[in-house]
């Protein structure tokens, strides 16, 4: 992708026929007709304007940690490359304004080292900050929506810039308006995150509470989260993967009661709407699929929620393997699994 991180909108001469295999953490082979990573808001607006004028299909990318790319990607792929961030405010709380191209984990650790609470439980989640609202990323009892003040966006049709409040983002579990009404219609360019100087540890998950206490520092919590994730999850730089491949399914209270009669030790987490969230990894593990391999893809040997790519496979083969796993879970539990990564259209 050399030469495509640019402030220029001169796309035809600089950014044609780009291999994006290394730009997605599953390392699915993908050749893009065009790719550009504008570093400023004005450069992004120029890119969008050119793409719309030329009637190119626009695909938006972040760090590639939660997408399933096709073999050939037509039009132009745009990765917002704005990496500036700063803090505003005083007293017990501050707001961090963060460019979409900032690495999420680096931001978490930097803020935690400064004693700013709010996103420490989200350490070691891969990807760029601009992609975080799309999925409403979450881990260890915290979701992005818990700290997000607003999102700056650029409308693809007009190039206009505006802000959306957190409420306007319509966040749900691994869901947002950016997957629905605004899907493929806007580019996220900046986040505003509300952080606290006052200790606000959230240690509701047992494996995290076992390593830190309510008096631990913000950085200690973030470091504990990193240690837990590194023990359970493969490094995508070593073994290609997109993290959690399936969403944790939600079931009604009646369905949960039926399941607990047969599986009394089934992990479940009550939700405010009366449903309960099940652990997809536990369901897959109970089907005896941990460590299973079919061709180029497999279920990780230590974390059944993670599908890994050993090399040489493509998206079609991966989706077939994922469908096989989902069928096995449904046959045993009557619970449907949905993939978490975003399926990018060719």
Protein backbone atom coordinates (compact mmCIF):
# COMPACT_ATOMS: atom_id res chain seq x y z
CA UNK A 1 0.00 0.00 0.00
CA UNK A 2 3.02 2.23 -0.38
CA UNK A 3 2.21 5.68 -1.72
CA UNK A 4 -1.47 5.61 -0.85
CA UNK A 5 -1.36 7.37 2.52
CA UNK A 6 -1.70 10.85 1.13
CA UNK A 7 -3.11 14.33 1.48
CA UNK A 8 -3.70 14.46 -2.26
CA UNK A 9 -6.82 13.52 -4.17
CA UNK A 10 -4.70 12.45 -7.16
CA UNK A 11 -6.02 8.91 -6.89
CA UNK A 12 -5.75 7.59 -10.42
CA UNK A 13 -1.99 8.08 -10.68
CA UNK A 14 -1.01 7.07 -7.14
CA UNK A 15 -3.39 4.50 -5.73
CA UNK A 16 -4.46 1.98 -8.33
CA UNK A 17 -4.49 -1.83 -8.05
CA UNK A 18 -3.50 -2.20 -4.40
CA UNK A 19 -3.08 -5.51 -2.55
CA UNK A 20 -5.09 -5.34 0.69
CA UNK A 21 -4.23 -8.84 1.91
CA UNK A 22 -2.01 -7.41 4.64
CA UNK A 23 -4.60 -4.71 5.42
CA UNK A 24 -7.03 -7.17 7.05
CA UNK A 25 -6.08 -9.21 10.10
CA UNK A 26 -7.60 -12.41 8.69
CA UNK A 27 -5.24 -11.93 5.73
CA UNK A 28 -7.91 -12.85 3.22
CA UNK A 29 -6.56 -12.21 -0.29
CA UNK A 30 -7.97 -8.97 -1.69
CA UNK A 31 -7.01 -6.76 -4.61
CA UNK A 32 -8.52 -3.28 -4.56
CA UNK A 33 -8.92 -1.21 -7.71
CA UNK A 34 -7.95 1.88 -5.70
CA UNK A 35 -7.00 2.63 -2.10
CA UNK A 36 -6.24 5.87 -0.28
CA UNK A 37 -5.72 6.92 3.35
CA UNK A 38 -6.21 10.72 3.56
CA UNK A 39 -4.51 12.26 6.58
CA UNK A 40 -6.64 15.38 7.00
CA UNK A 41 -10.33 16.19 6.98
CA UNK A 42 -10.02 18.39 3.91
CA UNK A 43 -8.08 15.70 2.03
CA UNK A 44 -10.79 13.19 2.90
CA UNK A 45 -13.47 15.53 1.60
CA UNK A 46 -11.52 15.90 -1.66
CA UNK A 47 -11.22 12.13 -1.98
CA UNK A 48 -14.94 11.65 -1.37
CA UNK A 49 -15.82 14.38 -3.86
CA UNK A 50 -13.62 12.81 -6.54
CA UNK A 51 -15.01 9.35 -5.90
CA UNK A 52 -18.61 10.55 -6.09
CA UNK A 53 -17.94 12.56 -9.25
CA UNK A 54 -16.37 9.51 -10.90
CA UNK A 55 -19.20 7.28 -9.60
CA UNK A 56 -16.78 4.88 -7.89
CA UNK A 57 -18.16 2.51 -5.32
CA UNK A 58 -16.71 3.54 -1.94
CA UNK A 59 -15.61 1.00 0.66
CA UNK A 60 -14.64 2.30 4.09
CA UNK A 61 -11.88 0.52 6.01
CA UNK A 62 -10.30 0.89 9.43
CA UNK A 63 -7.56 -1.33 10.78
CA UNK A 64 -9.02 -4.35 9.01
CA UNK A 65 -9.59 -6.26 12.25
CA UNK A 66 -13.31 -6.80 11.84
CA UNK A 67 -13.94 -7.16 8.11
CA UNK A 68 -14.23 -9.99 5.61
CA UNK A 69 -12.81 -8.73 2.33
CA UNK A 70 -13.65 -10.15 -1.11
CA UNK A 71 -10.99 -11.30 -3.57
CA UNK A 72 -11.58 -8.23 -5.74
CA UNK A 73 -12.77 -4.87 -4.44
CA UNK A 74 -14.12 -2.51 -7.07
CA UNK A 75 -14.17 1.27 -6.90
CA UNK A 76 -12.09 2.81 -4.14
CA UNK A 77 -11.28 1.77 -0.56
CA UNK A 78 -10.81 4.70 1.84
CA UNK A 79 -9.10 4.39 5.21
CA UNK A 80 -9.31 7.63 7.22
CA UNK A 81 -5.74 8.42 8.27
CA UNK A 82 -6.25 11.32 10.69
CA UNK A 83 -4.06 10.55 13.71
CA UNK A 84 -4.29 13.71 15.81
CA UNK A 85 -5.88 13.69 19.26
CA UNK A 86 -6.10 16.07 22.20
CA UNK A 87 -7.80 16.61 25.57
CA UNK A 88 -10.19 19.38 26.61
CA UNK A 89 -11.87 20.22 29.89
CA UNK A 90 -10.97 20.30 33.55
CA UNK A 91 -12.14 19.17 36.95
CA UNK A 92 -12.89 15.48 37.38
CA UNK A 93 -13.67 14.85 33.71
CA UNK A 94 -12.12 15.60 30.34
CA UNK A 95 -13.09 14.97 26.73
CA UNK A 96 -10.64 13.29 24.37
CA UNK A 97 -11.05 14.32 20.72
CA UNK A 98 -9.55 11.50 18.67
CA UNK A 99 -8.89 11.22 14.93
CA UNK A 100 -10.28 8.17 13.15
CA UNK A 101 -6.82 6.94 12.18
CA UNK A 102 -5.50 6.68 15.76
CA UNK A 103 -4.74 3.13 16.86
CA UNK A 104 -7.34 2.19 19.48
CA UNK A 105 -5.10 0.14 21.79
CA UNK A 106 -2.35 2.76 21.79
CA UNK A 107 -4.92 5.37 22.78
CA UNK A 108 -6.25 3.20 25.61
CA UNK A 109 -2.80 2.62 27.10
CA UNK A 110 -1.75 6.26 26.77
CA UNK A 111 -4.89 7.51 28.51
CA UNK A 112 -4.63 4.83 31.19
CA UNK A 113 -1.03 5.85 31.89
CA UNK A 114 -2.32 9.39 32.46
CA UNK A 115 -4.87 8.11 34.98
CA UNK A 116 -7.91 8.81 32.84
CA UNK A 117 -10.68 6.26 33.44
CA UNK A 118 -13.31 5.05 31.00
CA UNK A 119 -11.83 2.81 28.30
CA UNK A 120 -9.23 0.78 30.23
CA UNK A 121 -11.36 -2.40 29.95
CA UNK A 122 -11.16 -2.07 26.15
CA UNK A 123 -7.38 -2.51 25.98
CA UNK A 124 -5.85 -4.66 23.23
CA UNK A 125 -8.90 -4.47 20.98
CA UNK A 126 -7.31 -4.13 17.53
CA UNK A 127 -8.17 -1.59 14.89
CA UNK A 128 -8.51 2.16 14.33
CA UNK A 129 -10.60 4.48 16.48
CA UNK A 130 -12.84 5.35 13.55
CA UNK A 131 -14.08 1.78 13.34
CA UNK A 132 -14.96 1.55 17.05
CA UNK A 133 -18.46 3.10 16.83
CA UNK A 134 -19.50 0.89 13.92
CA UNK A 135 -19.34 -2.21 16.11
CA UNK A 136 -19.87 -0.44 19.42
CA UNK A 137 -16.78 -2.32 20.59
CA UNK A 138 -16.92 -3.81 24.05
CA UNK A 139 -15.16 -6.08 26.53
CA UNK A 140 -15.25 -6.95 30.22
CA UNK A 141 -18.53 -5.18 30.92
CA UNK A 142 -17.74 -1.93 29.08
CA UNK A 143 -18.91 -0.74 25.66
CA UNK A 144 -17.87 2.28 23.66
CA UNK A 145 -21.35 3.79 24.09
CA UNK A 146 -20.64 4.11 27.83
CA UNK A 147 -18.06 6.86 27.22
CA UNK A 148 -18.84 8.26 23.78
CA UNK A 149 -19.99 11.89 23.66
CA UNK A 150 -20.27 12.12 19.90
CA UNK A 151 -18.96 11.19 16.48
CA UNK A 152 -17.84 13.51 13.67
CA UNK A 153 -18.85 12.26 10.23
CA UNK A 154 -18.50 13.24 6.59
CA UNK A 155 -21.51 12.55 4.39
CA UNK A 156 -20.45 10.69 1.26
CA UNK A 157 -23.17 12.19 -0.93
CA UNK A 158 -22.41 15.82 -0.10
CA UNK A 159 -19.01 15.90 1.60
CA UNK A 160 -20.58 17.86 4.47
CA UNK A 161 -19.24 17.50 8.01
CA UNK A 162 -21.48 17.14 11.06
CA UNK A 163 -21.54 15.65 14.55
CA UNK A 164 -23.82 12.90 15.85
CA UNK A 165 -24.58 12.53 19.54
CA UNK A 166 -24.14 9.15 21.19
CA UNK A 167 -27.94 8.76 21.31
CA UNK A 168 -28.18 9.44 17.59
CA UNK A 169 -25.75 6.57 16.94
CA UNK A 170 -28.46 4.08 18.04
CA UNK A 171 -25.99 1.77 19.75
CA UNK A 172 -26.83 -1.83 20.52
CA UNK A 173 -24.82 -4.95 21.19
CA UNK A 174 -22.11 -4.85 18.47
CA UNK A 175 -24.48 -2.66 16.51
CA UNK A 176 -25.06 0.96 15.56
CA UNK A 177 -26.70 3.25 13.02
CA UNK A 178 -23.52 2.88 10.96
CA UNK A 179 -24.60 -0.69 10.19
CA UNK A 180 -28.16 0.37 9.42
CA UNK A 181 -29.50 3.71 8.17
CA UNK A 182 -26.03 5.23 7.69
CA UNK A 183 -24.30 2.13 6.33
CA UNK A 184 -22.07 3.16 3.38
CA UNK A 185 -23.37 6.73 3.62
CA UNK A 186 -20.89 8.41 5.98
CA UNK A 187 -17.23 8.33 7.00
CA UNK A 188 -16.39 8.54 10.70
CA UNK A 189 -13.57 11.04 11.09
CA UNK A 190 -13.35 11.83 14.82
CA UNK A 191 -14.59 10.63 18.22
CA UNK A 192 -15.28 12.57 21.40
CA UNK A 193 -14.79 10.41 24.51
CA UNK A 194 -15.78 11.44 28.04
CA UNK A 195 -13.12 10.33 30.53
CA UNK A 196 -12.82 10.64 34.30
CA UNK A 197 -9.92 11.53 36.58
CA UNK A 198 -11.89 9.93 39.42
CA UNK A 199 -11.33 6.16 39.75
CA UNK A 200 -14.22 4.27 38.16
CA UNK A 201 -13.11 0.62 38.02
CA UNK A 202 -15.55 -1.81 36.43
CA UNK A 203 -14.56 -5.28 37.53
CA UNK A 204 -17.75 -7.28 37.04
CA UNK A 205 -16.07 -10.10 35.13
CA UNK A 206 -14.49 -12.72 37.37
CA UNK A 207 -11.24 -13.20 35.51
CA UNK A 208 -10.57 -9.46 35.68
CA UNK A 209 -11.66 -9.07 39.31
CA UNK A 210 -9.30 -11.89 40.24
CA UNK A 211 -6.29 -9.87 39.04
CA UNK A 212 -7.03 -6.34 40.21
CA UNK A 213 -8.89 -4.66 43.05
CA UNK A 214 -11.07 -1.59 43.38
CA UNK A 215 -7.98 0.31 44.51
CA UNK A 216 -5.89 -0.63 41.47
CA UNK A 217 -4.76 2.09 39.12
CA UNK A 218 -6.32 2.67 35.72
CA UNK A 219 -3.11 1.46 34.07
CA UNK A 220 -3.08 -1.71 36.21
CA UNK A 221 -6.60 -2.56 35.02
CA UNK A 222 -5.62 -2.02 31.38
CA UNK A 223 -2.51 -4.16 31.83
CA UNK A 224 -4.57 -6.93 33.44
CA UNK A 225 -6.98 -6.87 30.51
CA UNK A 226 -4.01 -7.15 28.13
CA UNK A 227 -2.64 -10.13 30.05
CA UNK A 228 -6.00 -11.94 29.99
CA UNK A 229 -6.52 -11.32 26.29
CA UNK A 230 -2.98 -12.41 25.42
CA UNK A 231 -3.50 -15.66 27.31
CA UNK A 232 -6.77 -16.41 25.53
CA UNK A 233 -6.47 -14.86 22.08
CA UNK A 234 -3.94 -15.39 19.28
CA UNK A 235 -1.86 -12.45 18.08
CA UNK A 236 -3.13 -11.61 14.56
CA UNK A 237 0.45 -10.74 13.59
CA UNK A 238 1.40 -14.37 14.27
CA UNK A 239 -1.80 -16.26 13.42
CA UNK A 240 -4.31 -14.50 11.20
CA UNK A 241 -7.69 -13.89 12.86
CA UNK A 242 -10.36 -11.23 13.37
CA UNK A 243 -10.79 -11.73 17.11
CA UNK A 244 -14.24 -12.88 18.17
CA UNK A 245 -15.86 -14.22 15.01
CA UNK A 246 -19.39 -14.71 16.38
CA UNK A 247 -21.55 -12.39 18.45
CA UNK A 248 -22.61 -13.65 21.86
CA UNK A 249 -26.27 -14.58 21.21
CA UNK A 250 -29.20 -13.10 23.10
CA UNK A 251 -32.03 -15.40 24.22
CA UNK A 252 -35.36 -14.88 25.92
CA UNK A 253 -35.92 -15.76 29.57
CA UNK A 254 -38.07 -18.74 28.52
CA UNK A 255 -35.41 -20.12 26.20
CA UNK A 256 -32.75 -19.61 28.87
CA UNK A 257 -34.83 -21.53 31.41
CA UNK A 258 -35.16 -24.45 29.00
CA UNK A 259 -31.44 -24.45 28.24
CA UNK A 260 -30.48 -24.34 31.93
CA UNK A 261 -32.55 -27.44 32.60
CA UNK A 262 -30.21 -29.37 30.32
CA UNK A 263 -27.06 -27.30 30.81
CA UNK A 264 -27.17 -25.92 34.39
CA UNK A 265 -23.57 -24.64 34.19
CA UNK A 266 -24.18 -22.63 31.00
CA UNK A 267 -22.71 -19.12 31.39
CA UNK A 268 -25.35 -16.43 30.97
CA UNK A 269 -25.49 -12.70 31.57
CA UNK A 270 -28.84 -10.96 32.23
CA UNK A 271 -29.58 -7.85 30.14
CA UNK A 272 -31.66 -4.82 31.03
CA UNK A 273 -34.31 -5.76 28.45
CA UNK A 274 -35.02 -9.10 30.15
CA UNK A 275 -33.01 -11.18 27.71
CA UNK A 276 -29.80 -12.97 28.59
CA UNK A 277 -26.53 -13.05 26.71
CA UNK A 278 -24.90 -16.45 26.20
CA UNK A 279 -21.19 -17.10 25.65
CA UNK A 280 -20.80 -18.12 22.00
CA UNK A 281 -17.36 -19.55 22.72
CA UNK A 282 -18.80 -21.84 25.39
CA UNK A 283 -21.50 -23.08 22.99
CA UNK A 284 -18.93 -23.85 20.29
CA UNK A 285 -16.67 -25.57 22.82
CA UNK A 286 -19.55 -27.75 24.05
CA UNK A 287 -20.01 -28.94 20.48
CA UNK A 288 -16.45 -30.29 20.58
CA UNK A 289 -15.24 -27.85 17.95
CA UNK A 290 -12.34 -26.21 19.75
CA UNK A 291 -9.18 -26.91 17.75
CA UNK A 292 -11.16 -28.17 14.74
CA UNK A 293 -9.65 -27.42 11.34
CA UNK A 294 -11.11 -27.55 7.84
CA UNK A 295 -8.67 -26.69 5.09
CA UNK A 296 -7.08 -23.30 5.64
CA UNK A 297 -9.29 -22.33 8.59
CA UNK A 298 -9.82 -23.57 12.11
CA UNK A 299 -11.25 -22.90 15.56
CA UNK A 300 -8.50 -21.65 17.85
CA UNK A 301 -7.25 -24.29 20.28
CA UNK A 302 -7.55 -22.01 23.35
CA UNK A 303 -10.53 -19.78 22.46
CA UNK A 304 -13.41 -21.33 20.56
CA UNK A 305 -14.85 -17.92 19.67
CA UNK A 306 -11.87 -17.16 17.41
CA UNK A 307 -11.55 -18.53 13.88
CA UNK A 308 -8.00 -18.55 12.53
CA UNK A 309 -6.54 -18.57 9.03
CA UNK A 310 -3.52 -20.80 8.54
CA UNK A 311 -2.91 -19.41 5.06
CA UNK A 312 -3.97 -20.17 1.51
CA UNK A 313 -7.71 -19.79 2.05
CA UNK A 314 -10.28 -17.29 0.80
CA UNK A 315 -13.49 -15.74 2.04
CA UNK A 316 -15.76 -18.35 0.47
CA UNK A 317 -13.99 -21.14 2.33
CA UNK A 318 -14.09 -19.18 5.60
CA UNK A 319 -17.82 -18.51 5.34
CA UNK A 320 -18.49 -22.20 4.64
CA UNK A 321 -16.54 -23.14 7.76
CA UNK A 322 -18.37 -20.53 9.84
CA UNK A 323 -21.72 -21.81 8.56
CA UNK A 324 -20.76 -25.35 9.58
CA UNK A 325 -19.98 -24.17 13.12
CA UNK A 326 -23.23 -22.20 13.37
CA UNK A 327 -25.23 -25.25 12.21
CA UNK A 328 -23.57 -27.46 14.83
CA UNK A 329 -24.45 -24.99 17.59
CA UNK A 330 -28.03 -24.62 16.40
CA UNK A 331 -28.52 -28.39 16.15
CA UNK A 332 -27.37 -28.86 19.75
CA UNK A 333 -28.76 -25.78 21.48
CA UNK A 334 -31.37 -24.25 19.16
CA UNK A 335 -29.41 -20.98 19.34
CA UNK A 336 -28.43 -19.02 16.23
CA UNK A 337 -24.93 -17.59 15.93
CA UNK A 338 -24.28 -14.48 13.85
CA UNK A 339 -20.84 -13.47 12.53
CA UNK A 340 -19.41 -10.34 14.11
CA UNK A 341 -17.05 -9.18 11.30
CA UNK A 342 -18.50 -6.95 8.59
CA UNK A 343 -18.96 -8.62 5.20
CA UNK A 344 -17.60 -6.23 2.58
CA UNK A 345 -19.32 -6.45 -0.80
CA UNK A 346 -17.20 -6.91 -3.91
